[in-house]
PDB file of N, CA and C in Angstrom:
ATOM      1  N   MET A   1       0.838  -1.168   0.000  1.00  0.00           N
ATOM      2  CA  MET A   1       0.000   0.000   0.000  1.00  0.00           C
ATOM      3  C   MET A   1       0.892   1.243   0.000  1.00  0.00           C
ATOM      4  N   SER A   2       0.514   2.213  -0.762  1.00  0.00           N
ATOM      5  CA  SER A   2       1.254   3.469  -0.757  1.00  0.00           C
ATOM      6  C   SER A   2       0.261   4.625  -0.610  1.00  0.00           C
ATOM      7  N   ILE A   3       0.759   5.673  -0.025  1.00  0.00           N
ATOM      8  CA  ILE A   3      -0.042   6.872   0.162  1.00  0.00           C
ATOM      9  C   ILE A   3       0.706   8.009  -0.516  1.00  0.00           C
ATOM     10  N   GLU A   4       0.063   8.630  -1.471  1.00  0.00           N
ATOM     11  CA  GLU A   4       0.693   9.758  -2.147  1.00  0.00           C
ATOM     12  C   GLU A   4       0.192  11.051  -1.523  1.00  0.00           C
ATOM     13  N   MET A   5       1.144  11.851  -1.093  1.00  0.00           N
ATOM     14  CA  MET A   5       0.804  13.108  -0.437  1.00  0.00           C
ATOM     15  C   MET A   5       1.916  14.100  -0.742  1.00  0.00           C
ATOM     16  N   PRO A   6       1.579  15.224  -1.328  1.00  0.00           N
ATOM     17  CA  PRO A   6       2.616  16.215  -1.628  1.00  0.00           C
ATOM     18  C   PRO A   6       3.277  16.727  -0.346  1.00  0.00           C
ATOM     19  N   ALA A   7       4.548  17.092  -0.476  1.00  0.00           N
ATOM     20  CA  ALA A   7       5.307  17.580   0.685  1.00  0.00           C
ATOM     21  C   ALA A   7       4.639  18.806   1.308  1.00  0.00           C
ATOM     22  N   ALA A   8       4.022  19.649   0.490  1.00  0.00           N
ATOM     23  CA  ALA A   8       3.346  20.837   1.030  1.00  0.00           C
ATOM     24  C   ALA A   8       2.201  20.439   1.966  1.00  0.00           C
ATOM     25  N   GLU A   9       1.496  19.367   1.634  1.00  0.00           N
ATOM     26  CA  GLU A   9       0.422  18.897   2.510  1.00  0.00           C
ATOM     27  C   GLU A   9       0.982  18.296   3.796  1.00  0.00           C
ATOM     28  N   VAL A  10       2.134  17.662   3.704  1.00  0.00           N
ATOM     29  CA  VAL A  10       2.770  17.104   4.897  1.00  0.00           C
ATOM     30  C   VAL A  10       3.227  18.250   5.808  1.00  0.00           C
ATOM     31  N   HIS A  11       3.764  19.305   5.210  1.00  0.00           N
ATOM     32  CA  HIS A  11       4.132  20.490   6.002  1.00  0.00           C
ATOM     33  C   HIS A  11       2.887  21.115   6.651  1.00  0.00           C
ATOM     34  N   ALA A  12       1.769  21.136   5.938  1.00  0.00           N
ATOM     35  CA  ALA A  12       0.527  21.667   6.509  1.00  0.00           C
ATOM     36  C   ALA A  12       0.069  20.808   7.686  1.00  0.00           C
ATOM     37  N   LEU A  13       0.230  19.501   7.559  1.00  0.00           N
ATOM     38  CA  LEU A  13      -0.109  18.600   8.663  1.00  0.00           C
ATOM     39  C   LEU A  13       0.763  18.907   9.877  1.00  0.00           C
ATOM     40  N   ALA A  14       2.041  19.153   9.655  1.00  0.00           N
ATOM     41  CA  ALA A  14       2.940  19.516  10.760  1.00  0.00           C
ATOM     42  C   ALA A  14       2.463  20.804  11.428  1.00  0.00           C
ATOM     43  N   GLY A  15       2.004  21.762  10.634  1.00  0.00           N
ATOM     44  CA  GLY A  15       1.480  23.004  11.196  1.00  0.00           C
ATOM     45  C   GLY A  15       0.236  22.772  12.036  1.00  0.00           C
ATOM     46  N   THR A  16      -0.628  21.897  11.571  1.00  0.00           N
ATOM     47  CA  THR A  16      -1.831  21.552  12.334  1.00  0.00           C
ATOM     48  C   THR A  16      -1.455  20.895  13.657  1.00  0.00           C
ATOM     49  N   LEU A  17      -0.464  20.023  13.623  1.00  0.00           N
ATOM     50  CA  LEU A  17      -0.004  19.364  14.853  1.00  0.00           C
ATOM     51  C   LEU A  17       0.619  20.366  15.817  1.00  0.00           C
ATOM     52  N   ARG A  18       1.373  21.339  15.286  1.00  0.00           N
ATOM     53  CA  ARG A  18       1.950  22.382  16.152  1.00  0.00           C
ATOM     54  C   ARG A  18       0.848  23.205  16.822  1.00  0.00           C
ATOM     55  N   ALA A  19      -0.202  23.516  16.067  1.00  0.00           N
ATOM     56  CA  ALA A  19      -1.317  24.272  16.643  1.00  0.00           C
ATOM     57  C   ALA A  19      -2.015  23.463  17.731  1.00  0.00           C
ATOM     58  N   ALA A  20      -2.181  22.164  17.509  1.00  0.00           N
ATOM     59  CA  ALA A  20      -2.787  21.309  18.529  1.00  0.00           C
ATOM     60  C   ALA A  20      -1.902  21.234  19.768  1.00  0.00           C
ATOM     61  N   ALA A  21      -0.585  21.216  19.574  1.00  0.00           N
ATOM     62  CA  ALA A  21       0.334  21.207  20.714  1.00  0.00           C
ATOM     63  C   ALA A  21       0.205  22.498  21.508  1.00  0.00           C
ATOM     64  N   ALA A  22       0.063  23.616  20.807  1.00  0.00           N
ATOM     65  CA  ALA A  22      -0.106  24.902  21.494  1.00  0.00           C
ATOM     66  C   ALA A  22      -1.403  24.915  22.294  1.00  0.00           C
ATOM     67  N   ASP A  23      -2.467  24.346  21.737  1.00  0.00           N
ATOM     68  CA  ASP A  23      -3.728  24.244  22.485  1.00  0.00           C
ATOM     69  C   ASP A  23      -3.543  23.377  23.726  1.00  0.00           C
ATOM     70  N   ALA A  24      -2.850  22.263  23.566  1.00  0.00           N
ATOM     71  CA  ALA A  24      -2.639  21.349  24.693  1.00  0.00           C
ATOM     72  C   ALA A  24      -1.780  21.988  25.780  1.00  0.00           C
ATOM     73  N   GLU A  25      -0.886  22.887  25.390  1.00  0.00           N
ATOM     74  CA  GLU A  25      -0.063  23.579  26.390  1.00  0.00           C
ATOM     75  C   GLU A  25      -0.900  24.471  27.304  1.00  0.00           C
ATOM     76  N   GLU A  26      -2.096  24.802  26.886  1.00  0.00           N
ATOM     77  CA  GLU A  26      -2.979  25.636  27.694  1.00  0.00           C
ATOM     78  C   GLU A  26      -3.761  24.841  28.743  1.00  0.00           C
ATOM     79  N   ILE A  27      -3.696  23.532  28.674  1.00  0.00           N
ATOM     80  CA  ILE A  27      -4.471  22.694  29.596  1.00  0.00           C
ATOM     81  C   ILE A  27      -4.022  22.918  31.039  1.00  0.00           C
ATOM     82  N   ALA A  28      -2.727  22.768  31.302  1.00  0.00           N
ATOM     83  CA  ALA A  28      -2.234  22.870  32.680  1.00  0.00           C
ATOM     84  C   ALA A  28      -2.546  24.226  33.315  1.00  0.00           C
ATOM     85  N   PRO A  29      -2.272  25.338  32.641  1.00  0.00           N
ATOM     86  CA  PRO A  29      -2.590  26.629  33.274  1.00  0.00           C
ATOM     87  C   PRO A  29      -4.087  26.828  33.534  1.00  0.00           C
ATOM     88  N   ARG A  30      -4.907  26.277  32.672  1.00  0.00           N
ATOM     89  CA  ARG A  30      -6.359  26.436  32.862  1.00  0.00           C
ATOM     90  C   ARG A  30      -6.895  25.606  34.025  1.00  0.00           C
ATOM     91  N   LEU A  31      -6.155  24.594  34.414  1.00  0.00           N
ATOM     92  CA  LEU A  31      -6.584  23.741  35.527  1.00  0.00           C
ATOM     93  C   LEU A  31      -5.877  24.118  36.824  1.00  0.00           C
ATOM     94  N   ASP A  32      -5.374  25.331  36.882  1.00  0.00           N
ATOM     95  CA  ASP A  32      -4.658  25.782  38.061  1.00  0.00           C
ATOM     96  C   ASP A  32      -5.631  26.084  39.195  1.00  0.00           C
ATOM     97  N   GLY A  33      -5.518  25.339  40.263  1.00  0.00           N
ATOM     98  CA  GLY A  33      -6.327  25.576  41.461  1.00  0.00           C
ATOM     99  C   GLY A  33      -7.745  25.072  41.350  1.00  0.00           C
ATOM    100  N   ALA A  34      -8.166  24.360  42.364  1.00  0.00           N
ATOM    101  CA  ALA A  34      -9.497  23.763  42.375  1.00  0.00           C
ATOM    102  C   ALA A  34     -10.540  24.678  42.985  1.00  0.00           C
ATOM    103  N   GLY A  35     -10.085  25.732  43.601  1.00  0.00           N
ATOM    104  CA  GLY A  35     -11.047  26.523  44.355  1.00  0.00           C
ATOM    105  C   GLY A  35     -11.380  25.783  45.638  1.00  0.00           C
ATOM    106  N   ASP A  36     -12.327  26.283  46.366  1.00  0.00           N
ATOM    107  CA  ASP A  36     -12.712  25.657  47.629  1.00  0.00           C
ATOM    108  C   ASP A  36     -13.859  24.693  47.381  1.00  0.00           C
ATOM    109  N   VAL A  37     -13.587  23.412  47.500  1.00  0.00           N
ATOM    110  CA  VAL A  37     -14.615  22.390  47.310  1.00  0.00           C
ATOM    111  C   VAL A  37     -14.931  21.659  48.616  1.00  0.00           C
ATOM    112  N   GLY A  38     -14.379  22.146  49.678  1.00  0.00           N
ATOM    113  CA  GLY A  38     -14.614  21.519  50.971  1.00  0.00           C
ATOM    114  C   GLY A  38     -13.443  20.660  51.382  1.00  0.00           C
ATOM    115  N   GLU A  39     -13.295  20.575  52.686  1.00  0.00           N
ATOM    116  CA  GLU A  39     -12.154  19.867  53.255  1.00  0.00           C
ATOM    117  C   GLU A  39     -12.093  18.398  52.842  1.00  0.00           C
ATOM    118  N   THR A  40     -13.243  17.758  52.717  1.00  0.00           N
ATOM    119  CA  THR A  40     -13.274  16.334  52.389  1.00  0.00           C
ATOM    120  C   THR A  40     -12.868  16.070  50.943  1.00  0.00           C
ATOM    121  N   LEU A  41     -13.353  16.903  50.032  1.00  0.00           N
ATOM    122  CA  LEU A  41     -13.082  16.679  48.618  1.00  0.00           C
ATOM    123  C   LEU A  41     -11.783  17.301  48.113  1.00  0.00           C
ATOM    124  N   GLN A  42     -11.258  18.274  48.827  1.00  0.00           N
ATOM    125  CA  GLN A  42     -10.109  19.040  48.333  1.00  0.00           C
ATOM    126  C   GLN A  42      -8.933  18.163  47.889  1.00  0.00           C
ATOM    127  N   PRO A  43      -8.482  17.186  48.696  1.00  0.00           N
ATOM    128  CA  PRO A  43      -7.335  16.373  48.246  1.00  0.00           C
ATOM    129  C   PRO A  43      -7.633  15.591  46.959  1.00  0.00           C
ATOM    130  N   ALA A  44      -8.826  15.049  46.847  1.00  0.00           N
ATOM    131  CA  ALA A  44      -9.178  14.271  45.647  1.00  0.00           C
ATOM    132  C   ALA A  44      -9.249  15.170  44.416  1.00  0.00           C
ATOM    133  N   VAL A  45      -9.822  16.343  44.568  1.00  0.00           N
ATOM    134  CA  VAL A  45      -9.927  17.269  43.441  1.00  0.00           C
ATOM    135  C   VAL A  45      -8.544  17.751  43.023  1.00  0.00           C
ATOM    136  N   GLU A  46      -7.693  18.056  43.979  1.00  0.00           N
ATOM    137  CA  GLU A  46      -6.325  18.485  43.651  1.00  0.00           C
ATOM    138  C   GLU A  46      -5.570  17.372  42.924  1.00  0.00           C
ATOM    139  N   ALA A  47      -5.720  16.135  43.373  1.00  0.00           N
ATOM    140  CA  ALA A  47      -5.053  15.003  42.713  1.00  0.00           C
ATOM    141  C   ALA A  47      -5.591  14.815  41.292  1.00  0.00           C
ATOM    142  N   PHE A  48      -6.909  14.939  41.138  1.00  0.00           N
ATOM    143  CA  PHE A  48      -7.544  14.829  39.833  1.00  0.00           C
ATOM    144  C   PHE A  48      -6.989  15.887  38.875  1.00  0.00           C
ATOM    145  N   LEU A  49      -6.949  17.125  39.330  1.00  0.00           N
ATOM    146  CA  LEU A  49      -6.443  18.216  38.488  1.00  0.00           C
ATOM    147  C   LEU A  49      -4.965  18.051  38.182  1.00  0.00           C
ATOM    148  N   ASP A  50      -4.195  17.581  39.156  1.00  0.00           N
ATOM    149  CA  ASP A  50      -2.772  17.369  38.934  1.00  0.00           C
ATOM    150  C   ASP A  50      -2.548  16.316  37.849  1.00  0.00           C
ATOM    151  N   CYS A  51      -3.323  15.244  37.883  1.00  0.00           N
ATOM    152  CA  CYS A  51      -3.217  14.200  36.852  1.00  0.00           C
ATOM    153  C   CYS A  51      -3.543  14.770  35.468  1.00  0.00           C
ATOM    154  N   HIS A  52      -4.578  15.592  35.399  1.00  0.00           N
ATOM    155  CA  HIS A  52      -4.972  16.163  34.117  1.00  0.00           C
ATOM    156  C   HIS A  52      -3.988  17.225  33.632  1.00  0.00           C
ATOM    157  N   ARG A  53      -3.387  17.963  34.543  1.00  0.00           N
ATOM    158  CA  ARG A  53      -2.334  18.904  34.144  1.00  0.00           C
ATOM    159  C   ARG A  53      -1.145  18.142  33.554  1.00  0.00           C
ATOM    160  N   THR A  54      -0.781  17.052  34.206  1.00  0.00           N
ATOM    161  CA  THR A  54       0.323  16.225  33.712  1.00  0.00           C
ATOM    162  C   THR A  54      -0.011  15.648  32.341  1.00  0.00           C
ATOM    163  N   ALA A  55      -1.224  15.141  32.188  1.00  0.00           N
ATOM    164  CA  ALA A  55      -1.641  14.595  30.896  1.00  0.00           C
ATOM    165  C   ALA A  55      -1.593  15.669  29.808  1.00  0.00           C
ATOM    166  N   GLY A  56      -2.009  16.876  30.128  1.00  0.00           N
ATOM    167  CA  GLY A  56      -1.968  17.972  29.160  1.00  0.00           C
ATOM    168  C   GLY A  56      -0.547  18.277  28.721  1.00  0.00           C
ATOM    169  N   ARG A  57       0.378  18.289  29.679  1.00  0.00           N
ATOM    170  CA  ARG A  57       1.778  18.544  29.329  1.00  0.00           C
ATOM    171  C   ARG A  57       2.340  17.418  28.457  1.00  0.00           C
ATOM    172  N   VAL A  58       1.953  16.187  28.759  1.00  0.00           N
ATOM    173  CA  VAL A  58       2.426  15.043  27.980  1.00  0.00           C
ATOM    174  C   VAL A  58       1.870  15.111  26.556  1.00  0.00           C
ATOM    175  N   VAL A  59       0.590  15.388  26.425  1.00  0.00           N
ATOM    176  CA  VAL A  59      -0.017  15.492  25.095  1.00  0.00           C
ATOM    177  C   VAL A  59       0.648  16.613  24.296  1.00  0.00           C
ATOM    178  N   ALA A  60       0.875  17.752  24.930  1.00  0.00           N
ATOM    179  CA  ALA A  60       1.538  18.866  24.246  1.00  0.00           C
ATOM    180  C   ALA A  60       2.929  18.462  23.765  1.00  0.00           C
ATOM    181  N   GLY A  61       3.671  17.778  24.620  1.00  0.00           N
ATOM    182  CA  GLY A  61       5.014  17.331  24.242  1.00  0.00           C
ATOM    183  C   GLY A  61       4.998  16.344  23.098  1.00  0.00           C
ATOM    184  N   GLU A  62       4.101  15.395  23.148  1.00  0.00           N
ATOM    185  CA  GLU A  62       4.012  14.388  22.085  1.00  0.00           C
ATOM    186  C   GLU A  62       3.586  15.010  20.760  1.00  0.00           C
ATOM    187  N   LEU A  63       2.606  15.918  20.810  1.00  0.00           N
ATOM    188  CA  LEU A  63       2.178  16.582  19.576  1.00  0.00           C
ATOM    189  C   LEU A  63       3.296  17.442  18.997  1.00  0.00           C
ATOM    190  N   GLY A  64       4.048  18.107  19.863  1.00  0.00           N
ATOM    191  CA  GLY A  64       5.188  18.890  19.394  1.00  0.00           C
ATOM    192  C   GLY A  64       6.241  18.013  18.745  1.00  0.00           C
ATOM    193  N   TRP A  65       6.532  16.883  19.372  1.00  0.00           N
ATOM    194  CA  TRP A  65       7.499  15.940  18.805  1.00  0.00           C
ATOM    195  C   TRP A  65       6.998  15.424  17.456  1.00  0.00           C
ATOM    196  N   LEU A  66       5.726  15.049  17.391  1.00  0.00           N
ATOM    197  CA  LEU A  66       5.158  14.521  16.155  1.00  0.00           C
ATOM    198  C   LEU A  66       5.194  15.570  15.051  1.00  0.00           C
ATOM    199  N   ALA A  67       4.890  16.822  15.381  1.00  0.00           N
ATOM    200  CA  ALA A  67       4.942  17.894  14.389  1.00  0.00           C
ATOM    201  C   ALA A  67       6.350  18.031  13.817  1.00  0.00           C
ATOM    202  N   GLY A  68       7.342  17.990  14.678  1.00  0.00           N
ATOM    203  CA  GLY A  68       8.723  18.072  14.208  1.00  0.00           C
ATOM    204  C   GLY A  68       9.111  16.900  13.323  1.00  0.00           C
ATOM    205  N   THR A  69       8.648  15.722  13.685  1.00  0.00           N
ATOM    206  CA  THR A  69       8.944  14.530  12.899  1.00  0.00           C
ATOM    207  C   THR A  69       8.279  14.589  11.534  1.00  0.00           C
ATOM    208  N   VAL A  70       7.018  15.003  11.507  1.00  0.00           N
ATOM    209  CA  VAL A  70       6.291  15.112  10.247  1.00  0.00           C
ATOM    210  C   VAL A  70       6.955  16.153   9.347  1.00  0.00           C
ATOM    211  N   ALA A  71       7.347  17.286   9.898  1.00  0.00           N
ATOM    212  CA  ALA A  71       8.030  18.312   9.113  1.00  0.00           C
ATOM    213  C   ALA A  71       9.362  17.784   8.580  1.00  0.00           C
ATOM    214  N   ALA A  72      10.075  17.023   9.388  1.00  0.00           N
ATOM    215  CA  ALA A  72      11.348  16.456   8.945  1.00  0.00           C
ATOM    216  C   ALA A  72      11.147  15.470   7.796  1.00  0.00           C
ATOM    217  N   VAL A  73      10.062  14.721   7.829  1.00  0.00           N
ATOM    218  CA  VAL A  73       9.750  13.799   6.727  1.00  0.00           C
ATOM    219  C   VAL A  73       9.532  14.593   5.442  1.00  0.00           C
ATOM    220  N   ALA A  74       8.736  15.649   5.514  1.00  0.00           N
ATOM    221  CA  ALA A  74       8.490  16.474   4.325  1.00  0.00           C
ATOM    222  C   ALA A  74       9.794  17.079   3.814  1.00  0.00           C
ATOM    223  N   ASP A  75      10.623  17.572   4.727  1.00  0.00           N
ATOM    224  CA  ASP A  75      11.908  18.144   4.320  1.00  0.00           C
ATOM    225  C   ASP A  75      12.796  17.101   3.648  1.00  0.00           C
ATOM    226  N   SER A  76      12.768  15.880   4.155  1.00  0.00           N
ATOM    227  CA  SER A  76      13.600  14.835   3.558  1.00  0.00           C
ATOM    228  C   SER A  76      13.086  14.461   2.168  1.00  0.00           C
ATOM    229  N   TRP A  77      11.776  14.468   1.981  1.00  0.00           N
ATOM    230  CA  TRP A  77      11.221  14.209   0.656  1.00  0.00           C
ATOM    231  C   TRP A  77      11.684  15.280  -0.333  1.00  0.00           C
ATOM    232  N   LEU A  78      11.629  16.546   0.104  1.00  0.00           N
ATOM    233  CA  LEU A  78      12.059  17.636  -0.772  1.00  0.00           C
ATOM    234  C   LEU A  78      13.544  17.532  -1.092  1.00  0.00           C
ATOM    235  N   ALA A  79      14.346  17.182  -0.103  1.00  0.00           N
ATOM    236  CA  ALA A  79      15.783  17.019  -0.336  1.00  0.00           C
ATOM    237  C   ALA A  79      16.054  15.865  -1.299  1.00  0.00           C
ATOM    238  N   LEU A  80      15.319  14.788  -1.146  1.00  0.00           N
ATOM    239  CA  LEU A  80      15.472  13.649  -2.056  1.00  0.00           C
ATOM    240  C   LEU A  80      15.103  14.066  -3.478  1.00  0.00           C
ATOM    241  N   ASP A  81      13.989  14.773  -3.627  1.00  0.00           N
ATOM    242  CA  ASP A  81      13.589  15.249  -4.957  1.00  0.00           C
ATOM    243  C   ASP A  81      14.659  16.142  -5.566  1.00  0.00           C
ATOM    244  N   ARG A  82      15.195  17.078  -4.758  1.00  0.00           N
ATOM    245  CA  ARG A  82      16.237  17.969  -5.269  1.00  0.00           C
ATOM    246  C   ARG A  82      17.460  17.167  -5.720  1.00  0.00           C
ATOM    247  N   GLY A  83      17.834  16.198  -4.921  1.00  0.00           N
ATOM    248  CA  GLY A  83      18.990  15.377  -5.265  1.00  0.00           C
ATOM    249  C   GLY A  83      18.773  14.564  -6.526  1.00  0.00           C
ATOM    250  N   LEU A  84      17.597  13.975  -6.658  1.00  0.00           N
ATOM    251  CA  LEU A  84      17.302  13.173  -7.846  1.00  0.00           C
ATOM    252  C   LEU A  84      17.250  14.033  -9.092  1.00  0.00           C
ATOM    253  N   LEU A  85      16.617  15.195  -8.985  1.00  0.00           N
ATOM    254  CA  LEU A  85      16.528  16.067 -10.150  1.00  0.00           C
ATOM    255  C   LEU A  85      17.878  16.684 -10.492  1.00  0.00           C
ATOM    256  N   ALA A  86      18.665  17.015  -9.482  1.00  0.00           N
ATOM    257  CA  ALA A  86      19.999  17.572  -9.737  1.00  0.00           C
ATOM    258  C   ALA A  86      20.879  16.549 -10.446  1.00  0.00           C
ATOM    259  N   SER A  87      20.733  15.283 -10.087  1.00  0.00           N
ATOM    260  CA  SER A  87      21.533  14.257 -10.726  1.00  0.00           C
ATOM    261  C   SER A  87      21.162  14.089 -12.190  1.00  0.00           C
ATOM    262  N   ARG A  88      19.981  14.542 -12.545  1.00  0.00           N
ATOM    263  CA  ARG A  88      19.533  14.510 -13.937  1.00  0.00           C
ATOM    264  C   ARG A  88      19.746  15.852 -14.638  1.00  0.00           C
ATOM    265  N   GLY A  89      20.390  16.777 -13.929  1.00  0.00           N
ATOM    266  CA  GLY A  89      20.686  18.085 -14.507  1.00  0.00           C
ATOM    267  C   GLY A  89      19.511  19.046 -14.526  1.00  0.00           C
ATOM    268  N   ARG A  90      18.518  18.781 -13.684  1.00  0.00           N
ATOM    269  CA  ARG A  90      17.349  19.657 -13.623  1.00  0.00           C
ATOM    270  C   ARG A  90      17.303  20.320 -12.260  1.00  0.00           C
ATOM    271  N   ALA A  91      16.859  21.556 -12.231  1.00  0.00           N
ATOM    272  CA  ALA A  91      16.746  22.308 -10.960  1.00  0.00           C
ATOM    273  C   ALA A  91      15.341  22.187 -10.416  1.00  0.00           C
ATOM    274  N   VAL A  92      15.233  22.323  -9.107  1.00  0.00           N
ATOM    275  CA  VAL A  92      13.941  22.274  -8.441  1.00  0.00           C
ATOM    276  C   VAL A  92      13.686  23.626  -7.799  1.00  0.00           C
ATOM    277  N   ALA A  93      12.500  24.173  -7.995  1.00  0.00           N
ATOM    278  CA  ALA A  93      12.133  25.428  -7.331  1.00  0.00           C
ATOM    279  C   ALA A  93      11.934  25.134  -5.863  1.00  0.00           C
ATOM    280  N   GLY A  94      12.419  26.048  -5.033  1.00  0.00           N
ATOM    281  CA  GLY A  94      12.225  25.801  -3.774  1.00  0.00           C
ATOM    282  C   GLY A  94      12.232  25.957  -2.490  1.00  0.00           C
TER     283      GLY A  94
END
């Protein structure tokens, strides 16, 4: 099976992933502080929010890593194309 996708679309996908990572980076700050939920619930709510803040940071990191990887794939495709065309004496716009 093969998937044909122009490098420009792969770069656009990387941009979409970067935007999603930026959104995910907002998770932890938005979950700052539980407010007063009562003495009995406070520890559980704080633990719940802490877990979700951690998950948000992890998702942001993974999406950022994936965006970089996807962009690197597109860049490598473009470099390969340039190399192949240069070996045939043709230039690539770029």
